[in-house]
PDB file of N, CA and C in Angstrom:
ATOM      1  N   MET A   1     -45.412  44.708 -33.504  1.00  0.00           N
ATOM      2  CA  MET A   1     -44.113  44.088 -33.654  1.00  0.00           C
ATOM      3  C   MET A   1     -43.925  43.494 -35.049  1.00  0.00           C
ATOM      4  N   TRP A   2     -45.035  43.201 -35.753  1.00  0.00           N
ATOM      5  CA  TRP A   2     -44.899  42.593 -37.072  1.00  0.00           C
ATOM      6  C   TRP A   2     -44.261  43.542 -38.083  1.00  0.00           C
ATOM      7  N   VAL A   3     -44.600  44.819 -38.034  1.00  0.00           N
ATOM      8  CA  VAL A   3     -44.033  45.785 -38.980  1.00  0.00           C
ATOM      9  C   VAL A   3     -42.513  45.879 -38.828  1.00  0.00           C
ATOM     10  N   PRO A   4     -41.978  46.049 -37.621  1.00  0.00           N
ATOM     11  CA  PRO A   4     -40.519  46.088 -37.502  1.00  0.00           C
ATOM     12  C   PRO A   4     -39.843  44.793 -37.972  1.00  0.00           C
ATOM     13  N   LEU A   5     -40.494  43.659 -37.785  1.00  0.00           N
ATOM     14  CA  LEU A   5     -39.915  42.407 -38.278  1.00  0.00           C
ATOM     15  C   LEU A   5     -39.722  42.468 -39.794  1.00  0.00           C
ATOM     16  N   VAL A   6     -40.737  42.944 -40.484  1.00  0.00           N
ATOM     17  CA  VAL A   6     -40.663  43.030 -41.942  1.00  0.00           C
ATOM     18  C   VAL A   6     -39.656  44.092 -42.355  1.00  0.00           C
ATOM     19  N   GLU A   7     -39.730  45.260 -41.740  1.00  0.00           N
ATOM     20  CA  GLU A   7     -38.849  46.359 -42.136  1.00  0.00           C
ATOM     21  C   GLU A   7     -37.379  46.082 -41.849  1.00  0.00           C
ATOM     22  N   ASN A   8     -37.116  45.194 -40.917  1.00  0.00           N
ATOM     23  CA  ASN A   8     -35.735  44.838 -40.604  1.00  0.00           C
ATOM     24  C   ASN A   8     -35.332  43.509 -41.233  1.00  0.00           C
ATOM     25  N   ASN A   9     -36.097  43.098 -42.241  1.00  0.00           N
ATOM     26  CA  ASN A   9     -35.798  41.884 -43.007  1.00  0.00           C
ATOM     27  C   ASN A   9     -35.693  40.649 -42.119  1.00  0.00           C
ATOM     28  N   GLU A  10     -36.566  40.571 -41.124  1.00  0.00           N
ATOM     29  CA  GLU A  10     -36.566  39.447 -40.185  1.00  0.00           C
ATOM     30  C   GLU A  10     -37.813  38.571 -40.328  1.00  0.00           C
ATOM     31  N   ALA A  11     -38.549  38.725 -41.420  1.00  0.00           N
ATOM     32  CA  ALA A  11     -39.804  37.995 -41.588  1.00  0.00           C
ATOM     33  C   ALA A  11     -39.616  36.485 -41.604  1.00  0.00           C
ATOM     34  N   ASP A  12     -38.440  36.018 -41.963  1.00  0.00           N
ATOM     35  CA  ASP A  12     -38.176  34.575 -42.012  1.00  0.00           C
ATOM     36  C   ASP A  12     -37.383  34.078 -40.812  1.00  0.00           C
ATOM     37  N   SER A  13     -37.230  34.908 -39.817  1.00  0.00           N
ATOM     38  CA  SER A  13     -36.407  34.538 -38.660  1.00  0.00           C
ATOM     39  C   SER A  13     -37.219  33.769 -37.608  1.00  0.00           C
ATOM     40  N   PRO A  14     -36.531  33.042 -36.720  1.00  0.00           N
ATOM     41  CA  PRO A  14     -37.233  32.384 -35.615  1.00  0.00           C
ATOM     42  C   PRO A  14     -37.961  33.383 -34.709  1.00  0.00           C
ATOM     43  N   GLY A  15     -37.423  34.584 -34.587  1.00  0.00           N
ATOM     44  CA  GLY A  15     -38.090  35.618 -33.794  1.00  0.00           C
ATOM     45  C   GLY A  15     -39.441  35.978 -34.377  1.00  0.00           C
ATOM     46  N   ALA A  16     -39.526  35.965 -35.698  1.00  0.00           N
ATOM     47  CA  ALA A  16     -40.809  36.246 -36.346  1.00  0.00           C
ATOM     48  C   ALA A  16     -41.818  35.170 -35.981  1.00  0.00           C
ATOM     49  N   ASP A  17     -41.391  33.922 -35.932  1.00  0.00           N
ATOM     50  CA  ASP A  17     -42.294  32.838 -35.524  1.00  0.00           C
ATOM     51  C   ASP A  17     -42.868  33.119 -34.142  1.00  0.00           C
ATOM     52  N   TYR A  18     -41.997  33.526 -33.237  1.00  0.00           N
ATOM     53  CA  TYR A  18     -42.430  33.797 -31.868  1.00  0.00           C
ATOM     54  C   TYR A  18     -43.514  34.872 -31.833  1.00  0.00           C
ATOM     55  N   PHE A  19     -43.256  36.015 -32.503  1.00  0.00           N
ATOM     56  CA  PHE A  19     -44.195  37.133 -32.431  1.00  0.00           C
ATOM     57  C   PHE A  19     -45.468  36.885 -33.236  1.00  0.00           C
ATOM     58  N   VAL A  20     -45.370  36.197 -34.350  1.00  0.00           N
ATOM     59  CA  VAL A  20     -46.585  35.868 -35.104  1.00  0.00           C
ATOM     60  C   VAL A  20     -47.482  34.968 -34.263  1.00  0.00           C
ATOM     61  N   ARG A  21     -46.914  33.928 -33.712  1.00  0.00           N
ATOM     62  CA  ARG A  21     -47.704  33.006 -32.875  1.00  0.00           C
ATOM     63  C   ARG A  21     -48.268  33.729 -31.655  1.00  0.00           C
ATOM     64  N   LYS A  22     -47.455  34.565 -31.006  1.00  0.00           N
ATOM     65  CA  LYS A  22     -47.875  35.291 -29.807  1.00  0.00           C
ATOM     66  C   LYS A  22     -49.106  36.160 -30.094  1.00  0.00           C
ATOM     67  N   TYR A  23     -49.052  36.943 -31.183  1.00  0.00           N
ATOM     68  CA  TYR A  23     -50.155  37.856 -31.466  1.00  0.00           C
ATOM     69  C   TYR A  23     -51.386  37.126 -31.985  1.00  0.00           C
ATOM     70  N   ILE A  24     -51.203  36.036 -32.695  1.00  0.00           N
ATOM     71  CA  ILE A  24     -52.364  35.238 -33.108  1.00  0.00           C
ATOM     72  C   ILE A  24     -53.027  34.633 -31.882  1.00  0.00           C
ATOM     73  N   ASP A  25     -52.239  34.096 -30.967  1.00  0.00           N
ATOM     74  CA  ASP A  25     -52.797  33.526 -29.736  1.00  0.00           C
ATOM     75  C   ASP A  25     -53.556  34.589 -28.937  1.00  0.00           C
ATOM     76  N   GLU A  26     -52.992  35.800 -28.853  1.00  0.00           N
ATOM     77  CA  GLU A  26     -53.663  36.889 -28.123  1.00  0.00           C
ATOM     78  C   GLU A  26     -54.972  37.278 -28.794  1.00  0.00           C
ATOM     79  N   LEU A  27     -54.973  37.338 -30.116  1.00  0.00           N
ATOM     80  CA  LEU A  27     -56.188  37.680 -30.846  1.00  0.00           C
ATOM     81  C   LEU A  27     -57.268  36.629 -30.622  1.00  0.00           C
ATOM     82  N   LEU A  28     -56.914  35.366 -30.753  1.00  0.00           N
ATOM     83  CA  LEU A  28     -57.898  34.298 -30.607  1.00  0.00           C
ATOM     84  C   LEU A  28     -58.394  34.166 -29.174  1.00  0.00           C
ATOM     85  N   ALA A  29     -57.592  34.566 -28.213  1.00  0.00           N
ATOM     86  CA  ALA A  29     -58.022  34.523 -26.810  1.00  0.00           C
ATOM     87  C   ALA A  29     -59.119  35.560 -26.547  1.00  0.00           C
ATOM     88  N   ARG A  30     -59.165  36.618 -27.330  1.00  0.00           N
ATOM     89  CA  ARG A  30     -60.182  37.661 -27.153  1.00  0.00           C
ATOM     90  C   ARG A  30     -61.562  37.207 -27.610  1.00  0.00           C
ATOM     91  N   ASP A  31     -61.585  36.354 -28.645  1.00  0.00           N
ATOM     92  CA  ASP A  31     -62.880  35.910 -29.178  1.00  0.00           C
ATOM     93  C   ASP A  31     -62.677  34.605 -29.923  1.00  0.00           C
ATOM     94  N   ARG A  32     -63.195  33.525 -29.383  1.00  0.00           N
ATOM     95  CA  ARG A  32     -63.034  32.203 -29.999  1.00  0.00           C
ATOM     96  C   ARG A  32     -63.955  31.995 -31.199  1.00  0.00           C
ATOM     97  N   GLN A  33     -64.816  32.972 -31.504  1.00  0.00           N
ATOM     98  CA  GLN A  33     -65.735  32.830 -32.629  1.00  0.00           C
ATOM     99  C   GLN A  33     -65.239  33.538 -33.895  1.00  0.00           C
ATOM    100  N   ILE A  34     -64.020  33.993 -33.885  1.00  0.00           N
ATOM    101  CA  ILE A  34     -63.452  34.649 -35.062  1.00  0.00           C
ATOM    102  C   ILE A  34     -63.445  33.650 -36.216  1.00  0.00           C
ATOM    103  N   ASP A  35     -63.958  34.085 -37.377  1.00  0.00           N
ATOM    104  CA  ASP A  35     -63.934  33.201 -38.536  1.00  0.00           C
ATOM    105  C   ASP A  35     -63.106  33.762 -39.693  1.00  0.00           C
ATOM    106  N   THR A  36     -62.781  35.059 -39.619  1.00  0.00           N
ATOM    107  CA  THR A  36     -61.999  35.700 -40.673  1.00  0.00           C
ATOM    108  C   THR A  36     -61.076  36.743 -40.056  1.00  0.00           C
ATOM    109  N   VAL A  37     -59.853  36.789 -40.542  1.00  0.00           N
ATOM    110  CA  VAL A  37     -58.894  37.805 -40.117  1.00  0.00           C
ATOM    111  C   VAL A  37     -58.435  38.542 -41.369  1.00  0.00           C
ATOM    112  N   ILE A  38     -58.541  39.865 -41.335  1.00  0.00           N
ATOM    113  CA  ILE A  38     -58.069  40.687 -42.450  1.00  0.00           C
ATOM    114  C   ILE A  38     -56.734  41.300 -42.045  1.00  0.00           C
ATOM    115  N   LEU A  39     -55.721  41.057 -42.851  1.00  0.00           N
ATOM    116  CA  LEU A  39     -54.398  41.627 -42.600  1.00  0.00           C
ATOM    117  C   LEU A  39     -54.392  43.027 -43.206  1.00  0.00           C
ATOM    118  N   GLY A  40     -54.702  44.025 -42.389  1.00  0.00           N
ATOM    119  CA  GLY A  40     -54.918  45.387 -42.858  1.00  0.00           C
ATOM    120  C   GLY A  40     -53.673  46.241 -42.902  1.00  0.00           C
ATOM    121  N   CYS A  41     -52.557  45.673 -43.241  1.00  0.00           N
ATOM    122  CA  CYS A  41     -51.313  46.436 -43.326  1.00  0.00           C
ATOM    123  C   CYS A  41     -50.508  45.903 -44.505  1.00  0.00           C
ATOM    124  N   THR A  42     -49.882  46.792 -45.221  1.00  0.00           N
ATOM    125  CA  THR A  42     -49.095  46.381 -46.387  1.00  0.00           C
ATOM    126  C   THR A  42     -47.925  45.471 -46.024  1.00  0.00           C
ATOM    127  N   HIS A  43     -47.488  45.509 -44.776  1.00  0.00           N
ATOM    128  CA  HIS A  43     -46.353  44.690 -44.353  1.00  0.00           C
ATOM    129  C   HIS A  43     -46.729  43.228 -44.111  1.00  0.00           C
ATOM    130  N   TYR A  44     -47.947  42.995 -43.691  1.00  0.00           N
ATOM    131  CA  TYR A  44     -48.328  41.670 -43.206  1.00  0.00           C
ATOM    132  C   TYR A  44     -48.287  40.556 -44.242  1.00  0.00           C
ATOM    133  N   PRO A  45     -48.569  40.810 -45.521  1.00  0.00           N
ATOM    134  CA  PRO A  45     -48.473  39.706 -46.479  1.00  0.00           C
ATOM    135  C   PRO A  45     -47.081  39.066 -46.541  1.00  0.00           C
ATOM    136  N   LEU A  46     -46.052  39.807 -46.182  1.00  0.00           N
ATOM    137  CA  LEU A  46     -44.714  39.215 -46.162  1.00  0.00           C
ATOM    138  C   LEU A  46     -44.574  38.201 -45.032  1.00  0.00           C
ATOM    139  N   LEU A  47     -45.475  38.246 -44.075  1.00  0.00           N
ATOM    140  CA  LEU A  47     -45.494  37.271 -42.983  1.00  0.00           C
ATOM    141  C   LEU A  47     -46.548  36.188 -43.206  1.00  0.00           C
ATOM    142  N   LEU A  48     -47.216  36.235 -44.338  1.00  0.00           N
ATOM    143  CA  LEU A  48     -48.343  35.340 -44.582  1.00  0.00           C
ATOM    144  C   LEU A  48     -48.014  33.856 -44.421  1.00  0.00           C
ATOM    145  N   PRO A  49     -46.874  33.369 -44.888  1.00  0.00           N
ATOM    146  CA  PRO A  49     -46.592  31.941 -44.662  1.00  0.00           C
ATOM    147  C   PRO A  49     -46.562  31.576 -43.174  1.00  0.00           C
ATOM    148  N   LYS A  50     -45.970  32.430 -42.366  1.00  0.00           N
ATOM    149  CA  LYS A  50     -45.931  32.176 -40.925  1.00  0.00           C
ATOM    150  C   LYS A  50     -47.319  32.324 -40.308  1.00  0.00           C
ATOM    151  N   ILE A  51     -48.037  33.356 -40.725  1.00  0.00           N
ATOM    152  CA  ILE A  51     -49.395  33.571 -40.204  1.00  0.00           C
ATOM    153  C   ILE A  51     -50.251  32.349 -40.521  1.00  0.00           C
ATOM    154  N   ALA A  52     -50.167  31.873 -41.747  1.00  0.00           N
ATOM    155  CA  ALA A  52     -50.964  30.710 -42.150  1.00  0.00           C
ATOM    156  C   ALA A  52     -50.600  29.469 -41.348  1.00  0.00           C
ATOM    157  N   SER A  53     -49.341  29.352 -40.977  1.00  0.00           N
ATOM    158  CA  SER A  53     -48.931  28.154 -40.231  1.00  0.00           C
ATOM    159  C   SER A  53     -49.430  28.164 -38.789  1.00  0.00           C
ATOM    160  N   TYR A  54     -49.715  29.330 -38.228  1.00  0.00           N
ATOM    161  CA  TYR A  54     -50.185  29.422 -36.842  1.00  0.00           C
ATOM    162  C   TYR A  54     -51.682  29.709 -36.720  1.00  0.00           C
ATOM    163  N   MET A  55     -52.297  30.138 -37.812  1.00  0.00           N
ATOM    164  CA  MET A  55     -53.727  30.442 -37.782  1.00  0.00           C
ATOM    165  C   MET A  55     -54.496  29.121 -37.939  1.00  0.00           C
ATOM    166  N   PRO A  56     -55.489  28.895 -37.111  1.00  0.00           N
ATOM    167  CA  PRO A  56     -56.296  27.675 -37.276  1.00  0.00           C
ATOM    168  C   PRO A  56     -56.900  27.615 -38.686  1.00  0.00           C
ATOM    169  N   SER A  57     -56.959  26.425 -39.252  1.00  0.00           N
ATOM    170  CA  SER A  57     -57.453  26.271 -40.620  1.00  0.00           C
ATOM    171  C   SER A  57     -58.919  26.672 -40.767  1.00  0.00           C
ATOM    172  N   SER A  58     -59.642  26.747 -39.664  1.00  0.00           N
ATOM    173  CA  SER A  58     -61.047  27.146 -39.714  1.00  0.00           C
ATOM    174  C   SER A  58     -61.222  28.659 -39.866  1.00  0.00           C
ATOM    175  N   ILE A  59     -60.129  29.402 -39.767  1.00  0.00           N
ATOM    176  CA  ILE A  59     -60.186  30.860 -39.864  1.00  0.00           C
ATOM    177  C   ILE A  59     -59.619  31.292 -41.208  1.00  0.00           C
ATOM    178  N   ARG A  60     -60.412  32.049 -41.945  1.00  0.00           N
ATOM    179  CA  ARG A  60     -59.987  32.564 -43.251  1.00  0.00           C
ATOM    180  C   ARG A  60     -59.096  33.780 -43.026  1.00  0.00           C
ATOM    181  N   THR A  61     -57.972  33.837 -43.732  1.00  0.00           N
ATOM    182  CA  THR A  61     -57.050  34.970 -43.642  1.00  0.00           C
ATOM    183  C   THR A  61     -57.047  35.690 -44.985  1.00  0.00           C
ATOM    184  N   ILE A  62     -57.315  36.994 -44.940  1.00  0.00           N
ATOM    185  CA  ILE A  62     -57.373  37.806 -46.152  1.00  0.00           C
ATOM    186  C   ILE A  62     -56.316  38.901 -46.057  1.00  0.00           C
ATOM    187  N   ALA A  63     -55.429  38.952 -47.036  1.00  0.00           N
ATOM    188  CA  ALA A  63     -54.451  40.040 -47.108  1.00  0.00           C
ATOM    189  C   ALA A  63     -55.137  41.257 -47.720  1.00  0.00           C
ATOM    190  N   GLN A  64     -54.866  42.434 -47.209  1.00  0.00           N
ATOM    191  CA  GLN A  64     -55.544  43.639 -47.685  1.00  0.00           C
ATOM    192  C   GLN A  64     -55.292  43.892 -49.161  1.00  0.00           C
ATOM    193  N   GLY A  65     -54.190  43.401 -49.681  1.00  0.00           N
ATOM    194  CA  GLY A  65     -53.900  43.585 -51.103  1.00  0.00           C
ATOM    195  C   GLY A  65     -54.977  42.995 -51.989  1.00  0.00           C
ATOM    196  N   GLU A  66     -55.531  41.857 -51.580  1.00  0.00           N
ATOM    197  CA  GLU A  66     -56.622  41.241 -52.341  1.00  0.00           C
ATOM    198  C   GLU A  66     -57.823  42.179 -52.414  1.00  0.00           C
ATOM    199  N   LEU A  67     -58.154  42.785 -51.287  1.00  0.00           N
ATOM    200  CA  LEU A  67     -59.307  43.696 -51.242  1.00  0.00           C
ATOM    201  C   LEU A  67     -59.060  44.937 -52.080  1.00  0.00           C
ATOM    202  N   VAL A  68     -57.865  45.477 -51.995  1.00  0.00           N
ATOM    203  CA  VAL A  68     -57.528  46.670 -52.770  1.00  0.00           C
ATOM    204  C   VAL A  68     -57.554  46.350 -54.261  1.00  0.00           C
ATOM    205  N   ALA A  69     -56.990  45.209 -54.647  1.00  0.00           N
ATOM    206  CA  ALA A  69     -56.965  44.825 -56.060  1.00  0.00           C
ATOM    207  C   ALA A  69     -58.384  44.620 -56.594  1.00  0.00           C
ATOM    208  N   LYS A  70     -59.229  43.962 -55.828  1.00  0.00           N
ATOM    209  CA  LYS A  70     -60.622  43.754 -56.263  1.00  0.00           C
ATOM    210  C   LYS A  70     -61.360  45.084 -56.389  1.00  0.00           C
ATOM    211  N   SER A  71     -61.127  45.975 -55.461  1.00  0.00           N
ATOM    212  CA  SER A  71     -61.767  47.283 -55.501  1.00  0.00           C
ATOM    213  C   SER A  71     -61.302  48.071 -56.724  1.00  0.00           C
ATOM    214  N   LEU A  72     -60.005  48.031 -57.004  1.00  0.00           N
ATOM    215  CA  LEU A  72     -59.474  48.727 -58.178  1.00  0.00           C
ATOM    216  C   LEU A  72     -60.047  48.116 -59.457  1.00  0.00           C
ATOM    217  N   HIS A  73     -60.092  46.802 -59.525  1.00  0.00           N
ATOM    218  CA  HIS A  73     -60.653  46.130 -60.701  1.00  0.00           C
ATOM    219  C   HIS A  73     -62.100  46.575 -60.921  1.00  0.00           C
ATOM    220  N   ASP A  74     -62.881  46.584 -59.860  1.00  0.00           N
ATOM    221  CA  ASP A  74     -64.274  47.023 -59.944  1.00  0.00           C
ATOM    222  C   ASP A  74     -64.359  48.464 -60.430  1.00  0.00           C
ATOM    223  N   TYR A  75     -63.528  49.327 -59.888  1.00  0.00           N
ATOM    224  CA  TYR A  75     -63.524  50.740 -60.280  1.00  0.00           C
ATOM    225  C   TYR A  75     -63.203  50.882 -61.766  1.00  0.00           C
ATOM    226  N   LEU A  76     -62.178  50.154 -62.223  1.00  0.00           N
ATOM    227  CA  LEU A  76     -61.776  50.266 -63.627  1.00  0.00           C
ATOM    228  C   LEU A  76     -62.857  49.733 -64.564  1.00  0.00           C
ATOM    229  N   LEU A  77     -63.590  48.714 -64.136  1.00  0.00           N
ATOM    230  CA  LEU A  77     -64.707  48.215 -64.947  1.00  0.00           C
ATOM    231  C   LEU A  77     -65.812  49.261 -65.058  1.00  0.00           C
ATOM    232  N   ARG A  78     -66.024  50.005 -63.983  1.00  0.00           N
ATOM    233  CA  ARG A  78     -67.071  51.037 -63.988  1.00  0.00           C
ATOM    234  C   ARG A  78     -66.616  52.327 -64.648  1.00  0.00           C
ATOM    235  N   HIS A  79     -65.303  52.487 -64.847  1.00  0.00           N
ATOM    236  CA  HIS A  79     -64.756  53.719 -65.440  1.00  0.00           C
ATOM    237  C   HIS A  79     -63.798  53.378 -66.581  1.00  0.00           C
ATOM    238  N   PRO A  80     -64.334  52.902 -67.702  1.00  0.00           N
ATOM    239  CA  PRO A  80     -63.458  52.505 -68.817  1.00  0.00           C
ATOM    240  C   PRO A  80     -62.638  53.665 -69.388  1.00  0.00           C
ATOM    241  N   GLU A  81     -63.066  54.889 -69.135  1.00  0.00           N
ATOM    242  CA  GLU A  81     -62.301  56.047 -69.624  1.00  0.00           C
ATOM    243  C   GLU A  81     -60.903  56.112 -68.993  1.00  0.00           C
ATOM    244  N   MET A  82     -60.718  55.452 -67.877  1.00  0.00           N
ATOM    245  CA  MET A  82     -59.407  55.452 -67.216  1.00  0.00           C
ATOM    246  C   MET A  82     -58.356  54.729 -68.063  1.00  0.00           C
ATOM    247  N   GLU A  83     -58.779  53.787 -68.869  1.00  0.00           N
ATOM    248  CA  GLU A  83     -57.853  53.057 -69.737  1.00  0.00           C
ATOM    249  C   GLU A  83     -57.066  54.018 -70.624  1.00  0.00           C
ATOM    250  N   ARG A  84     -57.727  55.038 -71.142  1.00  0.00           N
ATOM    251  CA  ARG A  84     -57.063  56.014 -72.021  1.00  0.00           C
ATOM    252  C   ARG A  84     -56.051  56.852 -71.263  1.00  0.00           C
ATOM    253  N   ARG A  85     -56.236  57.000 -69.959  1.00  0.00           N
ATOM    254  CA  ARG A  85     -55.351  57.852 -69.163  1.00  0.00           C
ATOM    255  C   ARG A  85     -54.121  57.112 -68.657  1.00  0.00           C
ATOM    256  N   CYS A  86     -54.138  55.790 -68.758  1.00  0.00           N
ATOM    257  CA  CYS A  86     -53.017  54.986 -68.254  1.00  0.00           C
ATOM    258  C   CYS A  86     -51.858  54.995 -69.248  1.00  0.00           C
ATOM    259  N   THR A  87     -50.670  55.149 -68.736  1.00  0.00           N
ATOM    260  CA  THR A  87     -49.489  55.095 -69.594  1.00  0.00           C
ATOM    261  C   THR A  87     -49.044  53.650 -69.728  1.00  0.00           C
ATOM    262  N   ARG A  88     -48.366  53.367 -70.782  1.00  0.00           N
ATOM    263  CA  ARG A  88     -47.860  52.019 -71.036  1.00  0.00           C
ATOM    264  C   ARG A  88     -46.352  52.101 -71.257  1.00  0.00           C
ATOM    265  N   GLY A  89     -45.649  51.108 -70.769  1.00  0.00           N
ATOM    266  CA  GLY A  89     -44.210  51.040 -71.023  1.00  0.00           C
ATOM    267  C   GLY A  89     -43.400  52.092 -70.293  1.00  0.00           C
ATOM    268  N   GLY A  90     -43.943  52.655 -69.223  1.00  0.00           N
ATOM    269  CA  GLY A  90     -43.218  53.673 -68.468  1.00  0.00           C
ATOM    270  C   GLY A  90     -42.131  53.070 -67.597  1.00  0.00           C
ATOM    271  N   THR A  91     -41.412  53.908 -66.935  1.00  0.00           N
ATOM    272  CA  THR A  91     -40.371  53.461 -66.009  1.00  0.00           C
ATOM    273  C   THR A  91     -40.674  54.015 -64.626  1.00  0.00           C
ATOM    274  N   CYS A  92     -40.096  53.383 -63.639  1.00  0.00           N
ATOM    275  CA  CYS A  92     -40.253  53.849 -62.254  1.00  0.00           C
ATOM    276  C   CYS A  92     -38.936  54.428 -61.774  1.00  0.00           C
ATOM    277  N   ARG A  93     -39.054  55.508 -61.072  1.00  0.00           N
ATOM    278  CA  ARG A  93     -37.890  56.145 -60.448  1.00  0.00           C
ATOM    279  C   ARG A  93     -38.222  56.287 -58.978  1.00  0.00           C
ATOM    280  N   TYR A  94     -37.335  55.828 -58.107  1.00  0.00           N
ATOM    281  CA  TYR A  94     -37.582  55.832 -56.671  1.00  0.00           C
ATOM    282  C   TYR A  94     -36.708  56.879 -56.005  1.00  0.00           C
ATOM    283  N   LEU A  95     -37.367  57.817 -55.313  1.00  0.00           N
ATOM    284  CA  LEU A  95     -36.688  58.897 -54.605  1.00  0.00           C
ATOM    285  C   LEU A  95     -37.105  58.824 -53.146  1.00  0.00           C
ATOM    286  N   THR A  96     -36.168  59.102 -52.252  1.00  0.00           N
ATOM    287  CA  THR A  96     -36.488  59.074 -50.830  1.00  0.00           C
ATOM    288  C   THR A  96     -35.733  60.166 -50.097  1.00  0.00           C
ATOM    289  N   THR A  97     -36.341  60.644 -49.025  1.00  0.00           N
ATOM    290  CA  THR A  97     -35.673  61.623 -48.173  1.00  0.00           C
ATOM    291  C   THR A  97     -34.952  60.928 -47.023  1.00  0.00           C
ATOM    292  N   GLU A  98     -35.183  59.630 -46.864  1.00  0.00           N
ATOM    293  CA  GLU A  98     -34.496  58.889 -45.801  1.00  0.00           C
ATOM    294  C   GLU A  98     -33.259  58.215 -46.368  1.00  0.00           C
ATOM    295  N   ALA A  99     -32.673  57.319 -45.610  1.00  0.00           N
ATOM    296  CA  ALA A  99     -31.478  56.611 -46.057  1.00  0.00           C
ATOM    297  C   ALA A  99     -31.831  55.732 -47.260  1.00  0.00           C
ATOM    298  N   PRO A 100     -31.185  55.942 -48.401  1.00  0.00           N
ATOM    299  CA  PRO A 100     -31.551  55.188 -49.601  1.00  0.00           C
ATOM    300  C   PRO A 100     -31.386  53.668 -49.427  1.00  0.00           C
ATOM    301  N   GLU A 101     -30.385  53.253 -48.671  1.00  0.00           N
ATOM    302  CA  GLU A 101     -30.161  51.817 -48.478  1.00  0.00           C
ATOM    303  C   GLU A 101     -31.338  51.175 -47.746  1.00  0.00           C
ATOM    304  N   LYS A 102     -31.833  51.858 -46.725  1.00  0.00           N
ATOM    305  CA  LYS A 102     -32.972  51.343 -45.948  1.00  0.00           C
ATOM    306  C   LYS A 102     -34.214  51.254 -46.831  1.00  0.00           C
ATOM    307  N   PHE A 103     -34.473  52.306 -47.583  1.00  0.00           N
ATOM    308  CA  PHE A 103     -35.625  52.307 -48.481  1.00  0.00           C
ATOM    309  C   PHE A 103     -35.473  51.222 -49.540  1.00  0.00           C
ATOM    310  N   GLN A 104     -34.275  51.102 -50.097  1.00  0.00           N
ATOM    311  CA  GLN A 104     -34.028  50.107 -51.142  1.00  0.00           C
ATOM    312  C   GLN A 104     -34.271  48.694 -50.619  1.00  0.00           C
ATOM    313  N   ASP A 105     -33.790  48.403 -49.423  1.00  0.00           N
ATOM    314  CA  ASP A 105     -33.986  47.075 -48.838  1.00  0.00           C
ATOM    315  C   ASP A 105     -35.470  46.774 -48.641  1.00  0.00           C
ATOM    316  N   SER A 106     -36.188  47.728 -48.061  1.00  0.00           N
ATOM    317  CA  SER A 106     -37.624  47.522 -47.805  1.00  0.00           C
ATOM    318  C   SER A 106     -38.419  47.427 -49.101  1.00  0.00           C
ATOM    319  N   ALA A 107     -38.181  48.348 -50.007  1.00  0.00           N
ATOM    320  CA  ALA A 107     -38.940  48.355 -51.260  1.00  0.00           C
ATOM    321  C   ALA A 107     -38.653  47.104 -52.084  1.00  0.00           C
ATOM    322  N   SER A 108     -37.422  46.650 -52.079  1.00  0.00           N
ATOM    323  CA  SER A 108     -37.083  45.433 -52.826  1.00  0.00           C
ATOM    324  C   SER A 108     -37.824  44.225 -52.281  1.00  0.00           C
ATOM    325  N   LEU A 109     -38.016  44.184 -50.958  1.00  0.00           N
ATOM    326  CA  LEU A 109     -38.799  43.097 -50.359  1.00  0.00           C
ATOM    327  C   LEU A 109     -40.234  43.119 -50.869  1.00  0.00           C
ATOM    328  N   PHE A 110     -40.849  44.291 -50.859  1.00  0.00           N
ATOM    329  CA  PHE A 110     -42.242  44.420 -51.260  1.00  0.00           C
ATOM    330  C   PHE A 110     -42.441  44.189 -52.752  1.00  0.00           C
ATOM    331  N   LEU A 111     -41.516  44.690 -53.552  1.00  0.00           N
ATOM    332  CA  LEU A 111     -41.657  44.593 -55.003  1.00  0.00           C
ATOM    333  C   LEU A 111     -41.110  43.282 -55.559  1.00  0.00           C
ATOM    334  N   ASN A 112     -40.377  42.570 -54.724  1.00  0.00           N
ATOM    335  CA  ASN A 112     -39.775  41.292 -55.112  1.00  0.00           C
ATOM    336  C   ASN A 112     -38.831  41.464 -56.303  1.00  0.00           C
ATOM    337  N   GLU A 113     -38.101  42.574 -56.310  1.00  0.00           N
ATOM    338  CA  GLU A 113     -37.094  42.842 -57.327  1.00  0.00           C
ATOM    339  C   GLU A 113     -36.134  43.896 -56.781  1.00  0.00           C
ATOM    340  N   GLU A 114     -34.937  43.893 -57.294  1.00  0.00           N
ATOM    341  CA  GLU A 114     -33.967  44.910 -56.891  1.00  0.00           C
ATOM    342  C   GLU A 114     -34.329  46.235 -57.554  1.00  0.00           C
ATOM    343  N   ILE A 115     -34.180  47.314 -56.798  1.00  0.00           N
ATOM    344  CA  ILE A 115     -34.479  48.642 -57.338  1.00  0.00           C
ATOM    345  C   ILE A 115     -33.322  49.587 -57.041  1.00  0.00           C
ATOM    346  N   ALA A 116     -33.238  50.652 -57.803  1.00  0.00           N
ATOM    347  CA  ALA A 116     -32.259  51.711 -57.563  1.00  0.00           C
ATOM    348  C   ALA A 116     -32.999  52.876 -56.910  1.00  0.00           C
ATOM    349  N   VAL A 117     -32.382  53.443 -55.901  1.00  0.00           N
ATOM    350  CA  VAL A 117     -33.008  54.517 -55.133  1.00  0.00           C
ATOM    351  C   VAL A 117     -32.084  55.712 -55.094  1.00  0.00           C
ATOM    352  N   GLU A 118     -32.662  56.893 -55.212  1.00  0.00           N
ATOM    353  CA  GLU A 118     -31.904  58.136 -55.128  1.00  0.00           C
ATOM    354  C   GLU A 118     -32.345  58.915 -53.897  1.00  0.00           C
ATOM    355  N   HIS A 119     -31.393  59.528 -53.229  1.00  0.00           N
ATOM    356  CA  HIS A 119     -31.696  60.376 -52.066  1.00  0.00           C
ATOM    357  C   HIS A 119     -31.948  61.790 -52.565  1.00  0.00           C
ATOM    358  N   ILE A 120     -32.982  62.442 -52.016  1.00  0.00           N
ATOM    359  CA  ILE A 120     -33.254  63.840 -52.347  1.00  0.00           C
ATOM    360  C   ILE A 120     -33.474  64.635 -51.073  1.00  0.00           C
ATOM    361  N   ASP A 121     -33.210  65.941 -51.145  1.00  0.00           N
ATOM    362  CA  ASP A 121     -33.544  66.878 -50.076  1.00  0.00           C
ATOM    363  C   ASP A 121     -34.698  67.727 -50.564  1.00  0.00           C
ATOM    364  N   LEU A 122     -35.635  67.981 -49.682  1.00  0.00           N
ATOM    365  CA  LEU A 122     -36.800  68.784 -50.048  1.00  0.00           C
ATOM    366  C   LEU A 122     -36.657  70.241 -49.606  1.00  0.00           C
ATOM    367  N   GLU A 123     -35.516  70.605 -49.138  1.00  0.00           N
ATOM    368  CA  GLU A 123     -35.317  71.982 -48.678  1.00  0.00           C
ATOM    369  C   GLU A 123     -35.020  72.917 -49.814  1.00  0.00           C
TER     370      GLU A 123
END
C-alpha cells in the first residue's frame, strides 16, 4: 500500500499515516527483536518522515538509497577509470510510453524538481 500512496501523491495525507503505522505494527508483531529495517524500495524514502515517527527509536531505519550510494562510491573508488567516461554538464530528457502527466508528477516528487516529459510510441 505504501507504493500507491507515493505514486498518487498521498505521502503526506492522513491515510498515509494510517497505512504506515499499520504496516509497521504488523512487522513488529512478527518479531520483537528487530533492530534494523531496510526500506528496500525507491518509493519508501518519500514516506521516511512518517516511518520515523511510528518506528520505535530503538530500531534503525535505512533507506536503500544510502546503500546504493555507498556501493556506487566504493565502486568508483576502485575504478578511477570511470571518471574519464563520465560526462559533465549534460542535460536530461525524459521520455515515457505512459501518460506524461502521471510520469511527470511521480518523477518530480522523486527528483524534487519540476521536469518536462515527452510521450513516445515504441511501435
